[in-house]
Amino acid sequence: MVDWDLVDRRRSRGWDWDRIAADPKVGFHAEEASGEPGRALRTLYYQRRSKAKRRGEDDGGAAGEGEGSRTHSPIATLGFVLTPLLAIWFVVALALPSTAGTLFPAIPWIGLLLAAGAFLLAFGLLRSLERWNRQLRTAAVIGIVLGFAVSGGITALALVEGCPTLQTTTTGEPQSWLKASNPAWTEDGAPVLFSYGSVACPYCSASTWAVVEALKAFGSVSGITYDHSSPTDVFPNTPEIVLSGLTLQSPYVALHILESTNDQTITNPGASSCVDQAYISTYDNGGGIPFMALGGKYVHSGAIVTPSVLRTDPNDQNSAPLSPAQVNGQIENQSGSAWSAIAPATYLLEAFIVELNHGEPTNIANDPNVSPYLKQIS
């Protein structure tokens, strides 16, 4: 490919066409039938300038020789800056989601920005006579430098702010839970149960029954109020306990609840700190709800109790929902379709909390409903 920038520089220094054509750095290779290389290069040069000038006139009026001979689109230049910048940031945020991905998670936000940058680059190249020259190379280098600067700067800021560095590698646990080798997340010495959800979400609503029932085993739970999921979503009006209103007195577990309380429309609550965002970015598949993390080590994305069991007909999602009193009745009697689904999630949560407390309290560790789960988790 001919380096036309170099051709212009050689001409500005007074080189004749034969000498320019013979310069290997220029990259010109004349065909045998084209005659003298210098003359062939000159003909090609002026044909190219004429084409560029005509294009400039078509795009908005007659241009002078300087602008009319421009062979690349400004959009292509912008694309060459943005694409490597965002690509580097995306890769680093994907590898280090709890730090580089704290401000914007790689999936979906940086990925969407990267797709937009790639579109600009492709569109700009389609409007360019040249796909690669010195200015575009410079733009690409700037993009690479900015990519490392942005991702590195955000990572450094996250570390200064105390955001945890979390492991992306996980191992499987029962009921689709995952375990990561992270530092313990505690509050006053007790492992934190972090719950991220929305009152209007039926999958969040169903899961709250197991969460509260497990918490009761470790201390005093107060502030219990009831609500229901959105009446216009799937499994409409699924009964629930509002987690954000709970108060827990326990030496074994601390509550950290992020819950949107609008029961008509599902909305994701905003993270209250970079610690929250670190767990969401690393383990929550782009911010889905419900999501839970226990002690910084055990995480679960999605419902731990299916909403269908909280209906009069579990096989019909549009059948009437159970009332809170009916669900509580099944829990107290330890019978019924609702209890059959709530119980395994409850006992597994208790087992995780016992494991995080190094086997304490022993009465729960020795509970015949909990001890089998303790043997299954790591």
Protein backbone atom coordinates (compact mmCIF):
# COMPACT_ATOMS: atom_id res chain seq x y z
CA MET A 1 0.00 0.00 0.00
CA VAL A 2 1.33 3.40 -0.99
CA ASP A 3 2.15 5.75 1.90
CA TRP A 4 0.66 8.91 0.41
CA ASP A 5 1.67 11.01 3.42
CA LEU A 6 5.28 10.08 2.70
CA VAL A 7 4.77 10.89 -1.00
CA ASP A 8 3.61 14.39 -0.02
CA ARG A 9 6.61 14.84 2.26
CA ARG A 10 9.04 13.73 -0.46
CA ARG A 11 7.45 16.12 -2.95
CA SER A 12 7.69 19.01 -0.46
CA ARG A 13 11.43 18.35 -0.29
CA GLY A 14 11.80 18.57 -4.05
CA TRP A 15 12.15 14.89 -4.92
CA ASP A 16 11.26 14.02 -8.50
CA TRP A 17 8.69 11.35 -9.27
CA ASP A 18 11.21 8.72 -10.35
CA ARG A 19 13.11 9.06 -7.09
CA ILE A 20 9.91 8.92 -5.02
CA ALA A 21 8.70 5.81 -6.90
CA ALA A 22 12.05 4.11 -6.27
CA ASP A 23 11.93 4.75 -2.50
CA PRO A 24 10.98 1.41 -0.86
CA LYS A 25 9.46 3.23 2.11
CA VAL A 26 6.82 4.72 -0.17
CA GLY A 27 5.59 1.22 -1.03
CA PHE A 28 4.79 1.85 -4.70
CA HIS A 29 4.99 -1.07 -7.11
CA ALA A 30 4.26 -0.21 -10.74
CA GLU A 31 2.73 -2.70 -13.10
CA GLU A 32 4.87 -3.67 -16.10
CA ALA A 33 2.35 -2.26 -18.59
CA SER A 34 2.22 1.10 -16.85
CA GLY A 35 5.52 2.36 -18.26
CA GLU A 36 7.97 4.40 -16.23
CA PRO A 37 7.37 4.04 -12.44
CA GLY A 38 7.68 7.79 -11.81
CA ARG A 39 5.11 8.67 -14.42
CA ALA A 40 2.75 5.90 -13.21
CA LEU A 41 3.02 7.13 -9.62
CA ARG A 42 2.37 10.73 -10.66
CA THR A 43 -0.71 9.71 -12.67
CA LEU A 44 -2.08 7.70 -9.75
CA TYR A 45 -1.36 10.56 -7.35
CA TYR A 46 -3.32 13.13 -9.33
CA GLN A 47 -6.16 10.70 -10.04
CA ARG A 48 -6.45 10.15 -6.31
CA ARG A 49 -6.45 13.89 -5.57
CA SER A 50 -9.07 14.50 -8.23
CA LYS A 51 -11.31 11.81 -6.77
CA ALA A 52 -10.91 13.24 -3.28
CA LYS A 53 -11.72 16.74 -4.52
CA ARG A 54 -14.87 15.56 -6.29
CA ARG A 55 -15.94 13.79 -3.15
CA GLY A 56 -15.40 16.93 -1.08
CA GLU A 57 -17.56 18.91 -3.51
CA ASP A 58 -20.31 16.27 -3.33
CA ASP A 59 -20.24 16.43 0.48
CA GLY A 60 -20.90 20.13 0.72
CA GLY A 61 -19.34 22.44 -1.79
CA ALA A 62 -16.06 23.17 -3.49
CA ALA A 63 -13.05 22.62 -1.28
CA GLY A 64 -9.61 23.99 -1.64
CA GLU A 65 -6.71 21.73 -2.46
CA GLY A 66 -5.89 21.15 1.23
CA GLU A 67 -9.40 20.05 2.28
CA GLY A 68 -10.45 18.53 -1.00
CA SER A 69 -7.53 16.15 -0.89
CA ARG A 70 -8.41 14.85 2.57
CA THR A 71 -8.53 11.08 2.26
CA HIS A 72 -10.02 10.08 5.62
CA SER A 73 -13.19 10.91 7.52
CA PRO A 74 -13.08 12.65 10.93
CA ILE A 75 -15.50 9.96 12.07
CA ALA A 76 -12.84 7.34 11.30
CA THR A 77 -10.32 9.28 13.39
CA LEU A 78 -12.77 9.39 16.32
CA GLY A 79 -13.45 5.69 15.88
CA PHE A 80 -9.72 4.91 15.95
CA VAL A 81 -9.51 6.71 19.31
CA LEU A 82 -12.65 5.30 20.93
CA THR A 83 -12.44 1.67 19.82
CA PRO A 84 -9.06 0.77 21.38
CA LEU A 85 -9.83 2.93 24.42
CA LEU A 86 -13.10 1.11 25.12
CA ALA A 87 -11.73 -2.30 24.12
CA ILE A 88 -8.92 -2.05 26.68
CA TRP A 89 -11.29 -0.75 29.35
CA PHE A 90 -13.75 -3.58 28.56
CA VAL A 91 -11.09 -6.30 28.88
CA VAL A 92 -9.66 -4.86 32.11
CA ALA A 93 -13.15 -4.36 33.62
CA LEU A 94 -14.05 -7.92 32.64
CA ALA A 95 -10.90 -9.24 34.33
CA LEU A 96 -11.18 -6.92 37.37
CA PRO A 97 -14.93 -6.23 37.72
CA SER A 98 -14.74 -5.22 41.37
CA THR A 99 -12.28 -2.39 40.68
CA ALA A 100 -11.99 -1.42 37.00
CA GLY A 101 -15.66 -2.33 36.50
CA THR A 102 -16.99 -0.56 39.59
CA LEU A 103 -17.94 2.71 37.87
CA PHE A 104 -19.35 1.01 34.78
CA PRO A 105 -19.62 -2.80 34.62
CA ALA A 106 -18.08 -4.39 31.51
CA ILE A 107 -21.42 -6.07 30.80
CA PRO A 108 -23.53 -4.39 29.64
CA TRP A 109 -22.40 -0.75 29.83
CA ILE A 110 -18.80 -0.74 28.58
CA GLY A 111 -19.74 -3.41 26.05
CA LEU A 112 -22.47 -1.16 24.66
CA LEU A 113 -20.08 1.79 24.46
CA LEU A 114 -17.53 -0.41 22.69
CA ALA A 115 -20.14 -1.47 20.14
CA ALA A 116 -20.96 2.19 19.49
CA GLY A 117 -17.25 3.03 19.05
CA ALA A 118 -16.78 0.12 16.64
CA PHE A 119 -19.80 1.32 14.63
CA LEU A 120 -18.31 4.81 14.34
CA LEU A 121 -15.02 3.32 13.19
CA ALA A 122 -16.66 1.13 10.54
CA PHE A 123 -18.86 3.99 9.32
CA GLY A 124 -15.89 6.36 9.15
CA LEU A 125 -13.78 3.88 7.19
CA LEU A 126 -16.55 3.45 4.64
CA ARG A 127 -16.37 7.20 4.01
CA SER A 128 -12.57 7.26 3.72
CA LEU A 129 -10.40 6.86 0.67
CA GLU A 130 -7.61 5.59 2.88
CA ARG A 131 -8.10 3.03 5.59
CA TRP A 132 -4.72 3.60 7.26
CA ASN A 133 -2.36 6.57 7.31
CA ARG A 134 -0.23 8.49 9.75
CA GLN A 135 -3.10 10.45 11.29
CA LEU A 136 -5.19 7.34 11.83
CA ARG A 137 -2.20 5.54 13.31
CA THR A 138 -1.73 8.44 15.70
CA ALA A 139 -5.43 8.29 16.66
CA ALA A 140 -5.13 4.56 17.38
CA VAL A 141 -2.07 5.12 19.57
CA ILE A 142 -3.92 7.85 21.48
CA GLY A 143 -6.84 5.46 21.99
CA ILE A 144 -4.54 2.75 23.35
CA VAL A 145 -2.85 5.14 25.75
CA LEU A 146 -6.20 6.52 26.93
CA GLY A 147 -7.55 2.98 27.37
CA PHE A 148 -4.80 2.06 29.80
CA ALA A 149 -5.04 5.46 31.49
CA VAL A 150 -8.82 5.28 32.01
CA SER A 151 -8.94 1.66 33.20
CA GLY A 152 -5.85 2.14 35.36
CA GLY A 153 -7.15 5.38 36.82
CA ILE A 154 -10.54 3.88 37.72
CA THR A 155 -8.82 0.83 39.26
CA ALA A 156 -6.56 3.04 41.36
CA LEU A 157 -9.49 5.21 42.47
CA ALA A 158 -11.50 2.11 43.44
CA LEU A 159 -8.63 0.80 45.56
CA VAL A 160 -8.21 4.19 47.25
CA GLU A 161 -11.94 4.24 48.04
CA GLY A 162 -11.65 0.83 49.68
CA CYS A 163 -13.43 -1.26 47.04
CA PRO A 164 -12.63 -4.95 47.58
CA THR A 165 -10.66 -6.93 45.03
CA LEU A 166 -12.91 -9.92 44.40
CA GLN A 167 -12.11 -13.24 42.76
CA THR A 168 -13.93 -13.96 39.51
CA THR A 169 -13.26 -17.70 39.80
CA THR A 170 -16.03 -19.52 41.69
CA THR A 171 -16.92 -23.06 42.67
CA GLY A 172 -20.40 -24.57 42.76
CA GLU A 173 -22.47 -25.03 45.90
CA PRO A 174 -25.95 -26.56 46.43
CA GLN A 175 -29.03 -24.91 44.88
CA SER A 176 -26.98 -22.88 42.35
CA TRP A 177 -25.02 -20.95 44.96
CA LEU A 178 -21.39 -20.15 44.21
CA LYS A 179 -18.35 -19.73 46.42
CA ALA A 180 -15.44 -17.34 45.85
CA SER A 181 -12.20 -17.09 47.83
CA ASN A 182 -12.75 -13.51 48.96
CA PRO A 183 -11.89 -11.69 52.17
CA ALA A 184 -14.70 -11.97 54.72
CA TRP A 185 -17.37 -9.25 54.51
CA THR A 186 -18.35 -8.57 58.09
CA GLU A 187 -20.01 -5.92 60.22
CA ASP A 188 -19.13 -5.79 63.93
CA GLY A 189 -17.56 -9.21 63.51
CA ALA A 190 -20.68 -10.86 62.01
CA PRO A 191 -20.87 -12.02 58.37
CA VAL A 192 -23.03 -9.73 56.22
CA LEU A 193 -26.10 -11.00 54.41
CA PHE A 194 -26.40 -8.65 51.41
CA SER A 195 -29.72 -8.75 49.55
CA TYR A 196 -30.33 -6.77 46.36
CA GLY A 197 -33.84 -6.67 44.94
CA SER A 198 -37.18 -4.98 44.35
CA VAL A 199 -40.54 -5.36 46.07
CA ALA A 200 -42.27 -5.48 42.67
CA CYS A 201 -40.14 -8.43 41.48
CA PRO A 202 -42.02 -11.74 42.03
CA TYR A 203 -38.79 -13.75 42.26
CA CYS A 204 -37.52 -11.39 44.95
CA SER A 205 -40.88 -11.60 46.75
CA ALA A 206 -40.89 -15.38 46.90
CA SER A 207 -37.28 -15.52 48.13
CA THR A 208 -37.93 -13.19 51.09
CA TRP A 209 -39.79 -15.94 53.00
CA ALA A 210 -36.73 -18.18 53.15
CA VAL A 211 -34.45 -15.25 54.07
CA VAL A 212 -36.58 -14.17 57.03
CA GLU A 213 -37.18 -17.71 58.24
CA ALA A 214 -33.42 -18.36 58.23
CA LEU A 215 -32.69 -15.12 60.09
CA LYS A 216 -35.12 -16.07 62.86
CA ALA A 217 -32.85 -18.99 63.74
CA PHE A 218 -29.97 -16.65 64.61
CA GLY A 219 -31.61 -13.88 66.61
CA SER A 220 -34.54 -11.52 67.01
CA VAL A 221 -36.24 -10.22 63.85
CA SER A 222 -38.59 -7.24 64.12
CA GLY A 223 -40.23 -4.74 61.78
CA ILE A 224 -41.90 -7.41 59.64
CA THR A 225 -44.37 -5.93 57.15
CA TYR A 226 -46.00 -7.54 54.15
CA ASP A 227 -46.48 -6.45 50.56
CA HIS A 228 -46.82 -8.08 47.14
CA SER A 229 -45.07 -8.05 43.79
CA SER A 230 -46.29 -6.08 40.79
CA PRO A 231 -49.90 -6.88 39.77
CA THR A 232 -48.96 -6.55 36.09
CA ASP A 233 -45.87 -8.80 35.99
CA VAL A 234 -45.61 -12.59 35.88
CA PHE A 235 -46.86 -14.31 39.04
CA PRO A 236 -48.85 -11.14 39.88
CA ASN A 237 -49.22 -10.06 43.51
CA THR A 238 -46.81 -12.66 44.89
CA PRO A 239 -46.83 -12.20 48.69
CA GLU A 240 -43.64 -11.10 50.38
CA ILE A 241 -41.94 -9.74 53.46
CA VAL A 242 -40.40 -6.28 52.94
CA LEU A 243 -36.75 -6.87 53.75
CA SER A 244 -35.80 -3.19 53.89
CA GLY A 245 -38.01 -2.72 56.95
CA LEU A 246 -36.40 -5.49 59.00
CA THR A 247 -34.35 -5.05 62.16
CA LEU A 248 -32.16 -7.95 63.23
CA GLN A 249 -30.49 -8.45 66.59
CA SER A 250 -27.91 -11.22 66.19
CA PRO A 251 -24.23 -11.86 66.91
CA TYR A 252 -24.09 -14.30 63.99
CA VAL A 253 -25.27 -12.32 60.97
CA ALA A 254 -25.67 -8.66 59.94
CA LEU A 255 -28.19 -7.38 57.40
CA HIS A 256 -27.39 -5.14 54.44
CA ILE A 257 -30.49 -4.70 52.30
CA LEU A 258 -30.82 -2.76 49.05
CA GLU A 259 -34.47 -2.97 48.03
CA SER A 260 -36.64 -0.80 45.82
CA THR A 261 -39.99 -0.44 47.62
CA ASN A 262 -42.16 0.49 44.62
CA ASP A 263 -44.56 -2.48 44.40
CA GLN A 264 -45.94 -1.52 40.98
CA THR A 265 -42.82 -1.30 38.81
CA ILE A 266 -39.64 -3.35 39.05
CA THR A 267 -36.65 -1.06 39.53
CA ASN A 268 -33.10 -1.88 40.57
CA PRO A 269 -31.99 0.00 43.68
CA GLY A 270 -28.81 2.02 43.41
CA ALA A 271 -25.68 0.69 45.08
CA SER A 272 -24.94 2.53 48.31
CA SER A 273 -21.18 2.01 48.17
CA CYS A 274 -18.43 0.67 45.96
CA VAL A 275 -18.49 -2.50 48.09
CA ASP A 276 -22.09 -3.18 46.99
CA GLN A 277 -21.23 -2.37 43.40
CA ALA A 278 -18.16 -4.60 43.50
CA TYR A 279 -20.26 -7.67 44.33
CA ILE A 280 -22.97 -6.73 41.84
CA SER A 281 -20.45 -6.13 39.04
CA THR A 282 -18.50 -9.30 39.75
CA TYR A 283 -21.22 -11.88 40.37
CA ASP A 284 -24.60 -10.52 39.35
CA ASN A 285 -24.64 -10.94 35.57
CA GLY A 286 -25.11 -7.27 34.78
CA GLY A 287 -27.24 -6.30 37.78
CA GLY A 288 -30.10 -8.81 37.77
CA ILE A 289 -32.44 -9.23 40.75
CA PRO A 290 -32.72 -10.89 43.16
CA PHE A 291 -29.07 -11.22 44.17
CA MET A 292 -27.55 -12.24 47.49
CA ALA A 293 -24.07 -12.43 48.96
CA LEU A 294 -23.25 -14.04 52.30
CA GLY A 295 -20.13 -13.06 54.19
CA GLY A 296 -18.47 -12.01 50.95
CA LYS A 297 -17.90 -15.65 50.02
CA TYR A 298 -21.21 -17.25 48.99
CA VAL A 299 -23.24 -15.60 46.21
CA HIS A 300 -26.48 -16.36 44.39
CA SER A 301 -28.06 -14.64 41.40
CA GLY A 302 -31.75 -15.36 40.87
CA ALA A 303 -34.63 -16.63 43.00
CA ILE A 304 -33.98 -19.11 45.83
CA VAL A 305 -37.75 -19.83 46.01
CA THR A 306 -39.88 -20.03 42.88
CA PRO A 307 -42.97 -17.74 42.90
CA SER A 308 -45.27 -20.46 41.54
CA VAL A 309 -45.39 -22.24 44.92
CA LEU A 310 -46.97 -19.18 46.54
CA ARG A 311 -50.23 -19.56 44.57
CA THR A 312 -53.41 -21.53 45.17
CA ASP A 313 -52.54 -23.60 42.10
CA PRO A 314 -48.73 -23.93 41.75
CA ASN A 315 -49.20 -25.08 38.15
CA ASP A 316 -51.04 -21.91 37.12
CA GLN A 317 -49.11 -18.66 37.51
CA ASN A 318 -52.33 -16.66 37.08
CA SER A 319 -54.17 -18.44 39.87
CA ALA A 320 -54.85 -16.46 43.04
CA PRO A 321 -51.77 -15.79 45.18
CA LEU A 322 -51.61 -17.08 48.73
CA SER A 323 -52.05 -14.47 51.43
CA PRO A 324 -49.21 -13.76 53.89
CA ALA A 325 -51.31 -15.49 56.58
CA GLN A 326 -51.61 -18.61 54.42
CA VAL A 327 -47.85 -18.71 53.77
CA ASN A 328 -47.11 -18.21 57.48
CA GLY A 329 -49.57 -21.00 58.28
CA GLN A 330 -47.70 -23.43 56.05
CA ILE A 331 -44.38 -22.38 57.59
CA GLU A 332 -45.69 -22.87 61.13
CA ASN A 333 -47.22 -26.26 60.26
CA GLN A 334 -44.22 -27.19 58.08
CA SER A 335 -46.51 -28.55 55.39
CA GLY A 336 -47.89 -27.48 52.02
CA SER A 337 -46.43 -26.62 48.63
CA ALA A 338 -45.09 -23.26 49.79
CA TRP A 339 -43.25 -24.75 52.77
CA SER A 340 -41.85 -27.57 50.61
CA ALA A 341 -40.04 -24.94 48.49
CA ILE A 342 -39.18 -22.51 51.30
CA ALA A 343 -37.67 -25.14 53.62
CA PRO A 344 -34.64 -26.24 51.50
CA ALA A 345 -33.67 -22.61 50.79
CA THR A 346 -34.06 -21.76 54.49
CA TYR A 347 -31.94 -24.62 55.79
CA LEU A 348 -29.21 -24.01 53.22
CA LEU A 349 -29.03 -20.33 54.23
CA GLU A 350 -28.71 -21.43 57.85
CA ALA A 351 -25.92 -23.82 56.89
CA PHE A 352 -24.00 -21.07 55.10
CA ILE A 353 -24.30 -18.75 58.11
CA VAL A 354 -23.12 -21.51 60.46
CA GLU A 355 -20.17 -22.24 58.17
CA LEU A 356 -19.21 -18.57 58.13
CA ASN A 357 -19.34 -18.58 61.93
CA HIS A 358 -16.99 -21.59 62.11
CA GLY A 359 -19.66 -24.03 63.27
CA GLU A 360 -21.56 -21.71 65.61
CA PRO A 361 -24.18 -21.79 66.99
CA THR A 362 -23.95 -25.52 67.64
CA ASN A 363 -27.68 -26.04 68.14
CA ILE A 364 -28.31 -24.97 64.53
CA ALA A 365 -25.23 -26.84 63.26
CA ASN A 366 -26.65 -30.02 64.85
CA ASP A 367 -30.18 -29.46 63.56
CA PRO A 368 -30.98 -32.58 61.46
CA ASN A 369 -32.46 -30.32 58.79
CA VAL A 370 -29.28 -28.20 58.57
CA SER A 371 -26.43 -30.64 59.16
CA PRO A 372 -26.83 -32.46 55.79
CA TYR A 373 -26.35 -29.12 54.01
CA LEU A 374 -23.27 -28.34 56.13
CA LYS A 375 -21.69 -31.51 54.78
CA GLN A 376 -22.45 -30.46 51.19
CA ILE A 377 -21.00 -26.94 51.29
CA SER A 378 -17.32 -26.03 51.28
